[in-house]
Amino acid sequence: QVQLVESGGGLVEPGGSLTLSCQASEYPSGYYVMAWYRQAPGKEREHVADISKFGITIYNPSVEGRFSISRDDARPTIFLLIDSLTPADTDVYYCCSVDTTDDSWGQGTQVTVSS
């Protein structure tokens, strides 16, 4: 199973930017998708963005234009760049890996947007 470790969260002022990182132990063999989700207390986990093995990206319409997902194939690591942060972006952000047989999740990284 792929091991995932997120980092880069923290306290940011409204309007600021943040880049989250997700270090994977490896990319899955075969077809896979790497994704970011977020979750606020008492709410369901929400899909934010994903990037496939072939580099195709999909965004939640609510974040498109402000969020950008990318990956470094050499490390392997995926990133989530978040621009123009608002308090509504305050959540725990999770990285996940989904392939044809399994899915793995990281422990999450807290993003808090506040002045």
N, C-alpha and C. Protein backbone atom coordinates (compact mmCIF):
# COMPACT_ATOMS: atom_id res chain seq x y z
N GLN A 1 0.85 -1.19 0.00
CA GLN A 1 0.00 0.00 0.00
C GLN A 1 0.89 1.24 0.00
N VAL A 2 0.45 2.26 -0.75
CA VAL A 2 1.21 3.50 -0.84
C VAL A 2 1.10 4.27 0.48
N GLN A 3 2.21 4.77 0.96
CA GLN A 3 2.24 5.62 2.16
C GLN A 3 2.29 7.07 1.72
N LEU A 4 1.46 7.90 2.37
CA LEU A 4 1.36 9.30 1.99
C LEU A 4 1.55 10.20 3.21
N VAL A 5 2.32 11.25 3.05
CA VAL A 5 2.55 12.20 4.14
C VAL A 5 2.35 13.61 3.60
N GLU A 6 1.35 14.30 4.15
CA GLU A 6 1.09 15.67 3.74
C GLU A 6 1.88 16.65 4.60
N SER A 7 2.16 17.80 4.04
CA SER A 7 2.81 18.88 4.78
C SER A 7 2.49 20.21 4.11
N GLY A 8 2.83 21.29 4.79
CA GLY A 8 2.65 22.61 4.21
C GLY A 8 1.49 23.40 4.75
N GLY A 9 0.67 22.78 5.58
CA GLY A 9 -0.45 23.51 6.16
C GLY A 9 0.02 24.51 7.19
N GLY A 10 -0.92 25.33 7.64
CA GLY A 10 -0.58 26.32 8.66
C GLY A 10 -1.61 27.42 8.72
N LEU A 11 -1.25 28.49 9.41
CA LEU A 11 -2.11 29.66 9.56
C LEU A 11 -1.74 30.68 8.50
N VAL A 12 -2.73 31.10 7.73
CA VAL A 12 -2.50 32.05 6.65
C VAL A 12 -3.55 33.15 6.72
N GLU A 13 -3.17 34.36 6.39
CA GLU A 13 -4.13 35.46 6.37
C GLU A 13 -4.99 35.39 5.10
N PRO A 14 -6.20 35.89 5.17
CA PRO A 14 -7.04 35.93 3.97
C PRO A 14 -6.34 36.64 2.83
N GLY A 15 -6.50 36.09 1.64
CA GLY A 15 -5.83 36.65 0.47
C GLY A 15 -4.47 36.06 0.20
N GLY A 16 -3.95 35.32 1.14
CA GLY A 16 -2.63 34.72 0.99
C GLY A 16 -2.65 33.46 0.14
N SER A 17 -1.48 32.88 -0.02
CA SER A 17 -1.32 31.65 -0.81
C SER A 17 -0.59 30.61 0.03
N LEU A 18 -0.79 29.37 -0.37
CA LEU A 18 -0.18 28.25 0.35
C LEU A 18 0.05 27.12 -0.64
N THR A 19 1.14 26.40 -0.45
CA THR A 19 1.37 25.20 -1.25
C THR A 19 1.46 23.99 -0.32
N LEU A 20 0.58 23.05 -0.53
CA LEU A 20 0.60 21.81 0.23
C LEU A 20 1.38 20.75 -0.56
N SER A 21 2.06 19.90 0.17
CA SER A 21 2.82 18.82 -0.46
C SER A 21 2.34 17.47 0.06
N CYS A 22 2.42 16.48 -0.77
CA CYS A 22 2.08 15.11 -0.39
C CYS A 22 3.19 14.20 -0.90
N GLN A 23 4.00 13.74 0.04
CA GLN A 23 5.11 12.84 -0.31
C GLN A 23 4.59 11.42 -0.32
N ALA A 24 4.72 10.75 -1.46
CA ALA A 24 4.29 9.35 -1.58
C ALA A 24 5.49 8.43 -1.49
N SER A 25 5.28 7.24 -0.94
CA SER A 25 6.36 6.26 -0.89
C SER A 25 6.70 5.78 -2.30
N GLU A 26 5.70 5.81 -3.15
CA GLU A 26 5.87 5.44 -4.55
C GLU A 26 4.57 5.77 -5.27
N TYR A 27 4.64 5.88 -6.57
CA TYR A 27 3.40 5.95 -7.33
C TYR A 27 2.94 4.51 -7.57
N PRO A 28 1.63 4.27 -7.53
CA PRO A 28 1.14 2.92 -7.78
C PRO A 28 1.52 2.44 -9.18
N SER A 29 1.64 1.13 -9.30
CA SER A 29 1.84 0.57 -10.64
C SER A 29 0.51 0.57 -11.36
N GLY A 30 0.53 0.60 -12.67
CA GLY A 30 -0.71 0.65 -13.41
C GLY A 30 -1.36 2.03 -13.35
N TYR A 31 -2.62 2.06 -13.72
CA TYR A 31 -3.32 3.33 -13.74
C TYR A 31 -3.63 3.81 -12.32
N TYR A 32 -3.48 5.10 -12.07
CA TYR A 32 -3.78 5.65 -10.75
C TYR A 32 -4.19 7.12 -10.88
N VAL A 33 -4.79 7.57 -9.80
CA VAL A 33 -5.12 8.98 -9.64
C VAL A 33 -4.65 9.42 -8.26
N MET A 34 -4.00 10.55 -8.22
CA MET A 34 -3.61 11.17 -6.94
C MET A 34 -4.53 12.37 -6.72
N ALA A 35 -5.06 12.50 -5.52
CA ALA A 35 -6.07 13.53 -5.30
C ALA A 35 -5.87 14.25 -3.98
N TRP A 36 -6.46 15.43 -3.91
CA TRP A 36 -6.59 16.18 -2.67
C TRP A 36 -8.06 16.28 -2.31
N TYR A 37 -8.33 16.07 -1.02
CA TYR A 37 -9.66 16.26 -0.46
C TYR A 37 -9.52 17.21 0.73
N ARG A 38 -10.63 17.74 1.17
CA ARG A 38 -10.61 18.55 2.39
C ARG A 38 -11.86 18.27 3.19
N GLN A 39 -11.73 18.51 4.50
CA GLN A 39 -12.84 18.20 5.39
C GLN A 39 -12.85 19.16 6.56
N ALA A 40 -14.02 19.73 6.82
CA ALA A 40 -14.22 20.57 7.98
C ALA A 40 -14.90 19.74 9.06
N PRO A 41 -14.76 20.11 10.33
CA PRO A 41 -15.40 19.35 11.41
C PRO A 41 -16.91 19.22 11.18
N GLY A 42 -17.41 18.01 11.29
CA GLY A 42 -18.84 17.78 11.15
C GLY A 42 -19.35 17.74 9.72
N LYS A 43 -18.44 17.86 8.76
CA LYS A 43 -18.85 17.85 7.36
C LYS A 43 -18.22 16.66 6.63
N GLU A 44 -18.78 16.33 5.50
CA GLU A 44 -18.23 15.24 4.69
C GLU A 44 -16.94 15.70 4.00
N ARG A 45 -16.10 14.71 3.74
CA ARG A 45 -14.87 15.00 3.02
C ARG A 45 -15.22 15.39 1.58
N GLU A 46 -14.59 16.44 1.09
CA GLU A 46 -14.92 17.02 -0.20
C GLU A 46 -13.74 16.89 -1.17
N HIS A 47 -14.03 16.42 -2.37
CA HIS A 47 -12.99 16.36 -3.40
C HIS A 47 -12.59 17.77 -3.80
N VAL A 48 -11.28 18.00 -3.91
CA VAL A 48 -10.77 19.31 -4.30
C VAL A 48 -10.20 19.26 -5.71
N ALA A 49 -9.28 18.32 -5.92
CA ALA A 49 -8.62 18.22 -7.22
C ALA A 49 -7.94 16.87 -7.33
N ASP A 50 -7.74 16.42 -8.56
CA ASP A 50 -6.95 15.21 -8.75
C ASP A 50 -6.16 15.28 -10.04
N ILE A 51 -5.14 14.44 -10.10
CA ILE A 51 -4.27 14.36 -11.26
C ILE A 51 -4.00 12.89 -11.55
N SER A 52 -4.20 12.50 -12.80
CA SER A 52 -4.05 11.10 -13.15
C SER A 52 -2.62 10.77 -13.52
N LYS A 53 -2.38 9.50 -13.71
CA LYS A 53 -1.07 9.03 -14.14
C LYS A 53 -0.63 9.74 -15.41
N PHE A 54 -1.57 10.09 -16.26
CA PHE A 54 -1.26 10.72 -17.54
C PHE A 54 -1.29 12.24 -17.46
N GLY A 55 -1.44 12.77 -16.25
CA GLY A 55 -1.37 14.22 -16.07
C GLY A 55 -2.67 14.96 -16.28
N ILE A 56 -3.75 14.23 -16.44
CA ILE A 56 -5.05 14.89 -16.60
C ILE A 56 -5.53 15.36 -15.23
N THR A 57 -5.94 16.62 -15.16
CA THR A 57 -6.38 17.20 -13.89
C THR A 57 -7.88 17.47 -13.89
N ILE A 58 -8.47 17.30 -12.73
CA ILE A 58 -9.89 17.59 -12.53
C ILE A 58 -10.02 18.38 -11.25
N TYR A 59 -10.83 19.44 -11.29
CA TYR A 59 -11.03 20.28 -10.12
C TYR A 59 -12.50 20.33 -9.73
N ASN A 60 -12.72 20.47 -8.45
CA ASN A 60 -14.05 20.80 -7.96
C ASN A 60 -14.36 22.19 -8.50
N PRO A 61 -15.53 22.38 -9.12
CA PRO A 61 -15.84 23.70 -9.68
C PRO A 61 -15.75 24.84 -8.66
N SER A 62 -15.93 24.52 -7.39
CA SER A 62 -15.92 25.57 -6.36
C SER A 62 -14.52 26.13 -6.13
N VAL A 63 -13.48 25.41 -6.59
CA VAL A 63 -12.12 25.88 -6.35
C VAL A 63 -11.36 26.18 -7.63
N GLU A 64 -11.96 25.86 -8.76
CA GLU A 64 -11.26 26.03 -10.04
C GLU A 64 -10.88 27.50 -10.23
N GLY A 65 -9.63 27.69 -10.65
CA GLY A 65 -9.13 29.05 -10.83
C GLY A 65 -8.28 29.51 -9.67
N ARG A 66 -8.49 28.94 -8.48
CA ARG A 66 -7.68 29.32 -7.31
C ARG A 66 -6.74 28.20 -6.87
N PHE A 67 -7.12 26.96 -7.18
CA PHE A 67 -6.34 25.80 -6.78
C PHE A 67 -5.64 25.21 -8.00
N SER A 68 -4.44 24.74 -7.79
CA SER A 68 -3.69 24.12 -8.88
C SER A 68 -2.96 22.89 -8.36
N ILE A 69 -3.23 21.75 -8.97
CA ILE A 69 -2.59 20.50 -8.57
C ILE A 69 -1.48 20.18 -9.57
N SER A 70 -0.39 19.68 -9.04
CA SER A 70 0.73 19.32 -9.90
C SER A 70 1.51 18.18 -9.24
N ARG A 71 2.48 17.64 -9.96
CA ARG A 71 3.26 16.56 -9.38
C ARG A 71 4.69 16.61 -9.85
N ASP A 72 5.54 16.03 -9.02
CA ASP A 72 6.95 15.87 -9.34
C ASP A 72 7.18 14.37 -9.50
N ASP A 73 7.41 13.91 -10.70
CA ASP A 73 7.54 12.48 -10.93
C ASP A 73 8.85 11.92 -10.37
N ALA A 74 9.81 12.77 -10.12
CA ALA A 74 11.11 12.28 -9.65
C ALA A 74 11.09 11.93 -8.18
N ARG A 75 10.17 12.52 -7.40
CA ARG A 75 10.33 12.36 -5.95
C ARG A 75 9.74 11.14 -5.28
N PRO A 76 8.52 10.69 -5.43
CA PRO A 76 7.33 11.27 -6.05
C PRO A 76 6.49 12.08 -5.06
N THR A 77 6.02 13.20 -5.50
CA THR A 77 5.29 14.14 -4.66
C THR A 77 4.25 14.87 -5.49
N ILE A 78 3.10 15.10 -4.88
CA ILE A 78 2.12 15.96 -5.53
C ILE A 78 1.93 17.22 -4.70
N PHE A 79 1.50 18.27 -5.35
CA PHE A 79 1.36 19.58 -4.71
C PHE A 79 -0.04 20.13 -4.94
N LEU A 80 -0.44 20.99 -4.03
CA LEU A 80 -1.67 21.74 -4.21
C LEU A 80 -1.37 23.19 -3.90
N LEU A 81 -1.38 24.02 -4.92
CA LEU A 81 -1.19 25.46 -4.73
C LEU A 81 -2.55 26.10 -4.56
N ILE A 82 -2.71 26.85 -3.48
CA ILE A 82 -3.98 27.50 -3.19
C ILE A 82 -3.75 29.01 -3.17
N ASP A 83 -4.44 29.73 -4.03
CA ASP A 83 -4.34 31.19 -4.08
C ASP A 83 -5.58 31.84 -3.49
N SER A 84 -5.44 33.11 -3.16
CA SER A 84 -6.58 33.92 -2.69
C SER A 84 -7.37 33.20 -1.61
N LEU A 85 -6.67 32.76 -0.59
CA LEU A 85 -7.32 32.01 0.48
C LEU A 85 -8.37 32.84 1.20
N THR A 86 -9.46 32.17 1.55
CA THR A 86 -10.52 32.78 2.34
C THR A 86 -10.76 31.92 3.58
N PRO A 87 -11.43 32.46 4.59
CA PRO A 87 -11.74 31.64 5.77
C PRO A 87 -12.50 30.37 5.43
N ALA A 88 -13.25 30.37 4.32
CA ALA A 88 -14.00 29.17 3.92
C ALA A 88 -13.07 28.04 3.50
N ASP A 89 -11.80 28.34 3.26
CA ASP A 89 -10.83 27.31 2.90
C ASP A 89 -10.22 26.63 4.12
N THR A 90 -10.61 27.06 5.30
CA THR A 90 -10.12 26.44 6.52
C THR A 90 -10.64 25.02 6.64
N ASP A 91 -9.76 24.05 6.59
CA ASP A 91 -10.11 22.64 6.58
C ASP A 91 -8.86 21.83 6.87
N VAL A 92 -9.07 20.55 7.09
CA VAL A 92 -7.97 19.60 7.04
C VAL A 92 -7.90 19.08 5.60
N TYR A 93 -6.72 19.16 5.01
CA TYR A 93 -6.53 18.73 3.62
C TYR A 93 -5.84 17.37 3.61
N TYR A 94 -6.44 16.45 2.86
CA TYR A 94 -5.94 15.09 2.79
C TYR A 94 -5.50 14.76 1.37
N CYS A 95 -4.46 13.99 1.29
CA CYS A 95 -3.97 13.47 0.03
C CYS A 95 -4.40 12.01 -0.06
N CYS A 96 -4.74 11.57 -1.26
CA CYS A 96 -5.05 10.16 -1.41
C CYS A 96 -4.55 9.64 -2.75
N SER A 97 -4.35 8.35 -2.77
CA SER A 97 -3.89 7.65 -3.95
C SER A 97 -4.90 6.55 -4.26
N VAL A 98 -5.39 6.53 -5.47
CA VAL A 98 -6.39 5.54 -5.88
C VAL A 98 -5.89 4.81 -7.12
N ASP A 99 -5.81 3.49 -7.01
CA ASP A 99 -5.47 2.72 -8.20
C ASP A 99 -6.55 1.67 -8.43
N THR A 100 -6.28 0.71 -9.27
CA THR A 100 -7.33 -0.23 -9.66
C THR A 100 -7.71 -1.21 -8.55
N THR A 101 -6.87 -1.31 -7.53
CA THR A 101 -7.16 -2.29 -6.48
C THR A 101 -7.22 -1.73 -5.08
N ASP A 102 -6.78 -0.48 -4.88
CA ASP A 102 -6.63 0.00 -3.51
C ASP A 102 -6.70 1.52 -3.46
N ASP A 103 -6.92 2.04 -2.28
CA ASP A 103 -6.79 3.49 -2.07
C ASP A 103 -6.08 3.71 -0.75
N SER A 104 -5.28 4.76 -0.71
CA SER A 104 -4.52 5.09 0.48
C SER A 104 -4.73 6.56 0.81
N TRP A 105 -4.65 6.88 2.10
CA TRP A 105 -4.87 8.24 2.57
C TRP A 105 -3.72 8.66 3.48
N GLY A 106 -3.41 9.95 3.42
CA GLY A 106 -2.48 10.51 4.37
C GLY A 106 -3.20 10.90 5.65
N GLN A 107 -2.44 11.45 6.58
CA GLN A 107 -3.00 11.81 7.89
C GLN A 107 -3.65 13.20 7.88
N GLY A 108 -3.41 13.96 6.83
CA GLY A 108 -4.01 15.28 6.70
C GLY A 108 -3.11 16.39 7.21
N THR A 109 -3.32 17.59 6.70
CA THR A 109 -2.61 18.77 7.15
C THR A 109 -3.62 19.91 7.31
N GLN A 110 -3.56 20.59 8.44
CA GLN A 110 -4.54 21.62 8.77
C GLN A 110 -4.18 22.94 8.08
N VAL A 111 -5.17 23.52 7.42
CA VAL A 111 -5.04 24.87 6.86
C VAL A 111 -6.05 25.75 7.57
N THR A 112 -5.57 26.83 8.15
CA THR A 112 -6.43 27.78 8.85
C THR A 112 -6.22 29.16 8.24
N VAL A 113 -7.31 29.75 7.78
CA VAL A 113 -7.25 31.07 7.16
C VAL A 113 -7.94 32.06 8.10
N SER A 114 -7.14 32.95 8.64
CA SER A 114 -7.67 33.88 9.62
C SER A 114 -6.75 35.09 9.72
N SER A 115 -7.36 36.23 10.04
CA SER A 115 -6.57 37.43 10.25
C SER A 115 -6.29 37.61 11.74
